Amino acid sequence: MATDPIEIRSAPGCNPTWGLLDHLGKLIVTGADTGKTVATEAELSKPQGVSRSVTREAVKMLGTKGLPSARPGQGTFVQPASSWTLFDADVVSWLIETQPDRA
């Protein structure tokens, strides 16, 4: 998982928006609290070392996958798994990658 800001910004061939999208998607899928407010753009972008526009685009892309939803004047909230777009390849990949190994 791309948790190091340098990984997101400078991985060869990696667009920072896609890197942040992958990072945030995995965080949400691994148990972010449904209904809780997602951090602001500034709070999300600073630790990852990316701009607010990169963060805004990544959150918008997550929204199309059903993970967060924005409510004007209230914030952006994590949606329950039943709202996620389960035919989206990224969502399915995150779900598979984050499942504990079944031995």
C-alpha atoms as a PDB file:
ATOM      1  CA  MET A   1       0.000   0.000   0.000  1.00  0.00           C
ATOM      2  CA  ALA A   2       1.334   3.445  -0.888  1.00  0.00           C
ATOM      3  CA  THR A   3       1.563   5.081   2.518  1.00  0.00           C
ATOM      4  CA  ASP A   4       4.854   6.857   2.001  1.00  0.00           C
ATOM      5  CA  PRO A   5       4.343  10.275   0.355  1.00  0.00           C
ATOM      6  CA  ILE A   6       7.376   9.652  -1.842  1.00  0.00           C
ATOM      7  CA  GLU A   7       5.763   6.469  -3.221  1.00  0.00           C
ATOM      8  CA  ILE A   8       2.620   8.331  -4.276  1.00  0.00           C
ATOM      9  CA  ARG A   9       4.434  11.268  -5.853  1.00  0.00           C
ATOM     10  CA  SER A  10       7.401   9.684  -7.538  1.00  0.00           C
ATOM     11  CA  ALA A  11       6.779   6.025  -8.251  1.00  0.00           C
ATOM     12  CA  PRO A  12       7.806   5.465 -11.880  1.00  0.00           C
ATOM     13  CA  GLY A  13       4.788   5.640 -14.146  1.00  0.00           C
ATOM     14  CA  CYS A  14       2.475   6.389 -11.233  1.00  0.00           C
ATOM     15  CA  ASN A  15       0.063   9.275 -11.498  1.00  0.00           C
ATOM     16  CA  PRO A  16      -0.300  10.824  -8.014  1.00  0.00           C
ATOM     17  CA  THR A  17      -4.090  10.880  -8.343  1.00  0.00           C
ATOM     18  CA  TRP A  18      -4.207   7.134  -9.039  1.00  0.00           C
ATOM     19  CA  GLY A  19      -1.746   6.466  -6.210  1.00  0.00           C
ATOM     20  CA  LEU A  20      -3.865   8.415  -3.731  1.00  0.00           C
ATOM     21  CA  LEU A  21      -7.049   6.805  -5.082  1.00  0.00           C
ATOM     22  CA  ASP A  22      -5.562   3.361  -4.442  1.00  0.00           C
ATOM     23  CA  HIS A  23      -4.353   4.336  -0.964  1.00  0.00           C
ATOM     24  CA  LEU A  24      -7.671   5.871   0.134  1.00  0.00           C
ATOM     25  CA  GLY A  25      -9.734   3.093  -1.444  1.00  0.00           C
ATOM     26  CA  LYS A  26      -7.826   0.457   0.518  1.00  0.00           C
ATOM     27  CA  LEU A  27      -8.208   2.460   3.734  1.00  0.00           C
ATOM     28  CA  ILE A  28     -11.971   2.687   3.300  1.00  0.00           C
ATOM     29  CA  VAL A  29     -12.370  -0.977   2.345  1.00  0.00           C
ATOM     30  CA  THR A  30     -10.293  -2.157   5.323  1.00  0.00           C
ATOM     31  CA  GLY A  31     -12.743  -0.770   7.803  1.00  0.00           C
ATOM     32  CA  ALA A  32     -13.240   2.949   7.724  1.00  0.00           C
ATOM     33  CA  ASP A  33     -16.219   3.803   9.888  1.00  0.00           C
ATOM     34  CA  THR A  34     -19.393   3.982   7.836  1.00  0.00           C
ATOM     35  CA  GLY A  35     -21.116   7.314   8.243  1.00  0.00           C
ATOM     36  CA  LYS A  36     -18.047   9.055   9.630  1.00  0.00           C
ATOM     37  CA  THR A  37     -16.764  12.194   7.955  1.00  0.00           C
ATOM     38  CA  VAL A  38     -13.816  11.805   5.592  1.00  0.00           C
ATOM     39  CA  ALA A  39     -10.943  14.171   6.402  1.00  0.00           C
ATOM     40  CA  THR A  40     -10.825  17.473   4.532  1.00  0.00           C
ATOM     41  CA  GLU A  41      -8.787  17.898   1.349  1.00  0.00           C
ATOM     42  CA  ALA A  42      -6.073  19.695   3.289  1.00  0.00           C
ATOM     43  CA  GLU A  43      -5.943  16.960   5.949  1.00  0.00           C
ATOM     44  CA  LEU A  44      -5.739  14.226   3.303  1.00  0.00           C
ATOM     45  CA  SER A  45      -3.217  15.918   1.030  1.00  0.00           C
ATOM     46  CA  LYS A  46      -0.608  17.105   3.528  1.00  0.00           C
ATOM     47  CA  PRO A  47       0.536  13.726   4.957  1.00  0.00           C
ATOM     48  CA  GLN A  48       0.630  12.200   1.469  1.00  0.00           C
ATOM     49  CA  GLY A  49       2.601  15.096   0.005  1.00  0.00           C
ATOM     50  CA  VAL A  50       0.151  15.780  -2.820  1.00  0.00           C
ATOM     51  CA  SER A  51      -1.778  18.883  -3.823  1.00  0.00           C
ATOM     52  CA  ARG A  52      -5.376  19.552  -2.873  1.00  0.00           C
ATOM     53  CA  SER A  53      -6.387  19.256  -6.536  1.00  0.00           C
ATOM     54  CA  VAL A  54      -4.924  15.721  -6.639  1.00  0.00           C
ATOM     55  CA  THR A  55      -6.823  14.910  -3.439  1.00  0.00           C
ATOM     56  CA  ARG A  56     -10.046  16.443  -4.761  1.00  0.00           C
ATOM     57  CA  GLU A  57      -9.836  14.362  -7.949  1.00  0.00           C
ATOM     58  CA  ALA A  58      -9.073  11.133  -6.037  1.00  0.00           C
ATOM     59  CA  VAL A  59     -12.039  11.685  -3.683  1.00  0.00           C
ATOM     60  CA  LYS A  60     -14.275  12.470  -6.667  1.00  0.00           C
ATOM     61  CA  MET A  61     -13.164   9.214  -8.321  1.00  0.00           C
ATOM     62  CA  LEU A  62     -13.885   7.305  -5.094  1.00  0.00           C
ATOM     63  CA  GLY A  63     -17.337   8.888  -5.102  1.00  0.00           C
ATOM     64  CA  THR A  64     -18.092   7.403  -8.523  1.00  0.00           C
ATOM     65  CA  LYS A  65     -17.261   4.011  -6.999  1.00  0.00           C
ATOM     66  CA  GLY A  66     -19.772   4.614  -4.185  1.00  0.00           C
ATOM     67  CA  LEU A  67     -17.269   4.618  -1.296  1.00  0.00           C
ATOM     68  CA  PRO A  68     -17.785   8.191  -0.042  1.00  0.00           C
ATOM     69  CA  SER A  69     -20.610  10.604  -0.762  1.00  0.00           C
ATOM     70  CA  ALA A  70     -20.544  14.365  -0.399  1.00  0.00           C
ATOM     71  CA  ARG A  71     -23.314  16.283   1.301  1.00  0.00           C
ATOM     72  CA  PRO A  72     -23.168  20.015   0.588  1.00  0.00           C
ATOM     73  CA  GLY A  73     -22.468  21.977   3.744  1.00  0.00           C
ATOM     74  CA  GLN A  74     -21.998  18.818   5.830  1.00  0.00           C
ATOM     75  CA  GLY A  75     -18.932  17.078   4.434  1.00  0.00           C
ATOM     76  CA  THR A  76     -17.978  13.817   2.773  1.00  0.00           C
ATOM     77  CA  PHE A  77     -19.032  10.582   4.448  1.00  0.00           C
ATOM     78  CA  VAL A  78     -17.976   6.940   4.081  1.00  0.00           C
ATOM     79  CA  GLN A  79     -20.849   4.881   2.683  1.00  0.00           C
ATOM     80  CA  PRO A  80     -21.781   1.364   3.818  1.00  0.00           C
ATOM     81  CA  ALA A  81     -20.441  -1.520   1.714  1.00  0.00           C
ATOM     82  CA  SER A  82     -23.942  -2.064   0.325  1.00  0.00           C
ATOM     83  CA  SER A  83     -23.573   1.275  -1.517  1.00  0.00           C
ATOM     84  CA  TRP A  84     -20.225   0.439  -3.133  1.00  0.00           C
ATOM     85  CA  THR A  85     -20.080  -0.244  -6.863  1.00  0.00           C
ATOM     86  CA  LEU A  86     -19.132  -3.914  -6.699  1.00  0.00           C
ATOM     87  CA  PHE A  87     -18.748  -4.273 -10.453  1.00  0.00           C
ATOM     88  CA  ASP A  88     -15.923  -1.712 -10.400  1.00  0.00           C
ATOM     89  CA  ALA A  89     -12.548  -3.411 -10.909  1.00  0.00           C
ATOM     90  CA  ASP A  90     -10.786  -1.200  -8.329  1.00  0.00           C
ATOM     91  CA  VAL A  91     -13.346  -1.915  -5.598  1.00  0.00           C
ATOM     92  CA  VAL A  92     -13.190  -5.658  -6.251  1.00  0.00           C
ATOM     93  CA  SER A  93      -9.378  -5.534  -6.266  1.00  0.00           C
ATOM     94  CA  TRP A  94      -9.277  -3.635  -2.946  1.00  0.00           C
ATOM     95  CA  LEU A  95     -11.702  -6.092  -1.375  1.00  0.00           C
ATOM     96  CA  ILE A  96      -9.616  -9.065  -2.510  1.00  0.00           C
ATOM     97  CA  GLU A  97      -6.277  -7.489  -1.524  1.00  0.00           C
ATOM     98  CA  THR A  98      -7.447  -6.554   1.952  1.00  0.00           C
ATOM     99  CA  GLN A  99      -9.037  -9.885   2.893  1.00  0.00           C
ATOM    100  CA  PRO A 100      -7.113 -11.898   5.470  1.00  0.00           C
ATOM    101  CA  ASP A 101      -5.403 -14.989   4.083  1.00  0.00           C
ATOM    102  CA  ARG A 102      -7.566 -18.066   4.362  1.00  0.00           C
ATOM    103  CA  ALA A 103      -5.312 -20.999   5.098  1.00  0.00           C
END
